N, C-alpha and C. Protein backbone atom coordinates (compact mmCIF):
# COMPACT_ATOMS: atom_id res chain seq x y z
N MET A 1 39.44 36.76 -39.19
CA MET A 1 38.64 37.93 -39.05
C MET A 1 39.53 39.15 -39.07
N TYR A 2 39.11 40.04 -39.82
CA TYR A 2 39.99 41.16 -40.27
C TYR A 2 40.08 42.29 -39.35
N TYR A 3 39.35 42.30 -38.25
CA TYR A 3 39.36 43.53 -37.30
C TYR A 3 40.21 43.21 -36.09
N LEU A 4 40.76 42.02 -35.97
CA LEU A 4 41.55 41.68 -34.80
C LEU A 4 42.71 42.61 -34.50
N LYS A 5 43.55 42.90 -35.52
CA LYS A 5 44.66 43.76 -35.25
C LYS A 5 44.23 45.22 -34.99
N ARG A 6 43.21 45.62 -35.70
CA ARG A 6 42.72 47.06 -35.45
C ARG A 6 42.13 47.22 -33.98
N LEU A 7 41.41 46.28 -33.55
CA LEU A 7 40.90 46.31 -32.12
C LEU A 7 42.12 46.45 -31.21
N LYS A 8 43.10 45.68 -31.32
CA LYS A 8 44.27 45.67 -30.35
C LYS A 8 45.03 46.95 -30.48
N ASP A 9 45.27 47.40 -31.72
CA ASP A 9 45.94 48.68 -32.02
C ASP A 9 45.30 49.87 -31.35
N LEU A 10 43.85 49.90 -31.65
CA LEU A 10 43.17 50.98 -30.98
C LEU A 10 43.23 51.01 -29.37
N ARG A 11 43.11 49.83 -28.90
CA ARG A 11 43.24 49.74 -27.45
C ARG A 11 44.61 50.16 -26.98
N LYS A 12 45.67 49.68 -27.57
CA LYS A 12 46.93 50.04 -27.17
C LYS A 12 47.32 51.50 -27.36
N SER A 13 46.78 52.05 -28.50
CA SER A 13 47.04 53.56 -28.80
C SER A 13 46.41 54.48 -27.84
N HIS A 14 45.32 53.94 -27.07
CA HIS A 14 44.54 54.70 -26.09
C HIS A 14 45.08 54.30 -24.63
N ASN A 15 46.22 53.55 -24.66
CA ASN A 15 46.73 53.14 -23.33
C ASN A 15 45.68 52.40 -22.39
N LEU A 16 45.00 51.53 -23.07
CA LEU A 16 43.90 50.88 -22.33
C LEU A 16 44.19 49.38 -22.21
N ARG A 17 43.66 48.66 -21.21
CA ARG A 17 43.84 47.29 -20.95
C ARG A 17 42.44 46.68 -21.42
N GLN A 18 42.60 45.41 -21.67
CA GLN A 18 41.37 44.69 -21.95
C GLN A 18 40.26 44.78 -20.92
N GLU A 19 40.57 44.91 -19.65
CA GLU A 19 39.68 45.08 -18.69
C GLU A 19 38.89 46.42 -18.79
N ASN A 20 39.56 47.39 -19.23
CA ASN A 20 38.89 48.63 -19.33
C ASN A 20 37.77 48.56 -20.47
N LEU A 21 38.05 47.94 -21.58
CA LEU A 21 37.07 47.84 -22.55
C LEU A 21 36.02 46.74 -22.25
N ALA A 22 36.42 45.74 -21.55
CA ALA A 22 35.30 44.88 -21.06
C ALA A 22 34.33 45.50 -20.13
N GLU A 23 34.84 46.29 -19.20
CA GLU A 23 34.02 47.11 -18.36
C GLU A 23 33.00 48.04 -19.19
N LEU A 24 33.58 48.63 -20.09
CA LEU A 24 32.79 49.48 -21.16
C LEU A 24 31.61 48.72 -21.76
N LEU A 25 32.01 47.49 -22.22
CA LEU A 25 31.04 46.73 -22.97
C LEU A 25 30.09 45.91 -22.06
N ARG A 26 30.41 45.85 -20.71
CA ARG A 26 29.81 45.09 -19.66
C ARG A 26 29.87 43.47 -19.96
N ILE A 27 31.03 43.16 -20.22
CA ILE A 27 31.42 41.79 -20.46
C ILE A 27 32.68 41.44 -19.64
N THR A 28 33.06 40.15 -19.65
CA THR A 28 34.36 39.80 -18.87
C THR A 28 35.51 40.16 -19.75
N ARG A 29 36.64 40.31 -19.06
CA ARG A 29 37.97 40.40 -19.67
C ARG A 29 38.26 39.37 -20.68
N GLN A 30 37.89 38.14 -20.20
CA GLN A 30 38.10 36.93 -21.00
C GLN A 30 37.33 37.02 -22.41
N GLN A 31 36.08 37.48 -22.28
CA GLN A 31 35.26 37.56 -23.43
C GLN A 31 35.80 38.62 -24.37
N TYR A 32 36.25 39.74 -23.95
CA TYR A 32 36.84 40.77 -24.76
C TYR A 32 38.18 40.15 -25.37
N GLY A 33 38.90 39.45 -24.62
CA GLY A 33 40.09 38.81 -25.20
C GLY A 33 39.85 37.95 -26.29
N LEU A 34 38.69 37.24 -26.33
CA LEU A 34 38.28 36.35 -27.38
C LEU A 34 38.04 37.16 -28.67
N TYR A 35 37.53 38.37 -28.52
CA TYR A 35 37.29 39.20 -29.72
C TYR A 35 38.76 39.48 -30.37
N GLU A 36 39.60 39.86 -29.54
CA GLU A 36 40.98 40.25 -30.12
C GLU A 36 41.77 39.08 -30.64
N THR A 37 41.50 37.87 -30.09
CA THR A 37 42.14 36.65 -30.64
C THR A 37 41.41 36.00 -31.84
N GLY A 38 40.25 36.44 -32.09
CA GLY A 38 39.44 35.90 -33.15
C GLY A 38 38.69 34.57 -32.83
N LYS A 39 38.60 34.32 -31.57
CA LYS A 39 37.99 33.09 -31.13
C LYS A 39 36.43 33.32 -30.95
N ARG A 40 36.04 34.54 -31.09
CA ARG A 40 34.70 34.97 -30.92
C ARG A 40 34.50 36.23 -31.69
N GLU A 41 33.38 36.18 -32.62
CA GLU A 41 33.00 37.35 -33.42
C GLU A 41 32.38 38.47 -32.59
N ILE A 42 32.82 39.66 -32.82
CA ILE A 42 32.31 40.77 -32.08
C ILE A 42 30.86 41.04 -32.47
N PRO A 43 29.90 41.16 -31.56
CA PRO A 43 28.62 41.61 -31.93
C PRO A 43 28.48 43.03 -32.46
N VAL A 44 27.57 43.22 -33.22
CA VAL A 44 27.35 44.59 -33.71
C VAL A 44 27.16 45.64 -32.66
N ARG A 45 26.37 45.31 -31.70
CA ARG A 45 26.20 46.21 -30.59
C ARG A 45 27.51 46.61 -29.83
N HIS A 46 28.43 45.72 -29.83
CA HIS A 46 29.76 46.06 -29.21
C HIS A 46 30.51 46.82 -30.21
N LEU A 47 30.51 46.59 -31.52
CA LEU A 47 31.19 47.21 -32.48
C LEU A 47 30.77 48.68 -32.42
N LYS A 48 29.57 48.87 -32.33
CA LYS A 48 28.99 50.37 -32.25
C LYS A 48 29.47 51.13 -31.11
N ILE A 49 29.44 50.45 -29.91
CA ILE A 49 29.92 51.09 -28.67
C ILE A 49 31.39 51.44 -28.86
N LEU A 50 32.16 50.50 -29.39
CA LEU A 50 33.58 50.82 -29.51
C LEU A 50 33.91 51.86 -30.52
N ALA A 51 33.10 51.91 -31.66
CA ALA A 51 33.39 52.96 -32.63
C ALA A 51 32.93 54.42 -32.00
N LEU A 52 31.92 54.37 -31.20
CA LEU A 52 31.51 55.72 -30.58
C LEU A 52 32.59 56.05 -29.52
N PHE A 53 33.11 55.10 -28.75
CA PHE A 53 34.09 55.37 -27.80
C PHE A 53 35.38 55.83 -28.33
N TYR A 54 35.80 55.21 -29.51
CA TYR A 54 37.14 55.67 -30.05
C TYR A 54 36.88 56.82 -30.94
N GLN A 55 35.69 57.22 -31.17
CA GLN A 55 35.34 58.39 -32.11
C GLN A 55 35.84 58.05 -33.49
N THR A 56 35.49 56.87 -34.00
CA THR A 56 35.89 56.51 -35.28
C THR A 56 34.67 55.84 -35.95
N SER A 57 34.80 55.28 -37.04
CA SER A 57 33.72 54.50 -37.73
C SER A 57 33.94 53.00 -37.58
N ALA A 58 32.81 52.32 -37.71
CA ALA A 58 32.80 50.85 -37.62
C ALA A 58 33.68 50.40 -38.87
N ASP A 59 33.53 51.16 -40.01
CA ASP A 59 34.33 50.76 -41.24
C ASP A 59 35.86 50.78 -40.92
N TYR A 60 36.22 51.69 -40.09
CA TYR A 60 37.66 51.81 -39.73
C TYR A 60 38.10 50.52 -38.94
N ILE A 61 37.22 50.18 -37.91
CA ILE A 61 37.48 49.07 -37.09
C ILE A 61 37.61 47.79 -37.90
N LEU A 62 36.63 47.69 -38.76
CA LEU A 62 36.55 46.42 -39.60
C LEU A 62 37.50 46.50 -40.85
N GLU A 63 38.46 47.52 -40.99
CA GLU A 63 39.25 47.64 -41.90
C GLU A 63 38.75 47.64 -43.35
N ILE A 64 37.58 48.28 -43.49
CA ILE A 64 36.97 48.55 -44.89
C ILE A 64 37.62 49.78 -45.35
N THR A 65 38.05 50.70 -44.42
CA THR A 65 38.65 51.97 -44.85
C THR A 65 39.86 52.14 -43.84
N ASN A 66 40.82 52.90 -44.19
CA ASN A 66 41.98 53.18 -43.35
C ASN A 66 41.80 54.66 -42.87
N GLN A 67 40.72 55.26 -43.19
CA GLN A 67 40.44 56.67 -42.76
C GLN A 67 39.63 56.59 -41.55
N MET A 68 40.19 57.18 -40.35
CA MET A 68 39.49 57.11 -39.18
C MET A 68 38.27 58.03 -39.27
């Protein structure tokens, strides 16, 4: 899955922990961790929330573009 590194990089660049994003998405930290490791695909509804939160596009998160 192509968005794994980008998810982790965005989180770290904002000085956040997986727990912070899990709370935002209303899921467990373990479930969010599965998104970053590629063991579970991220649902579109969570992708949308993260794009709005990071003020970027879903295309950027999905590595379709490198332009935030």
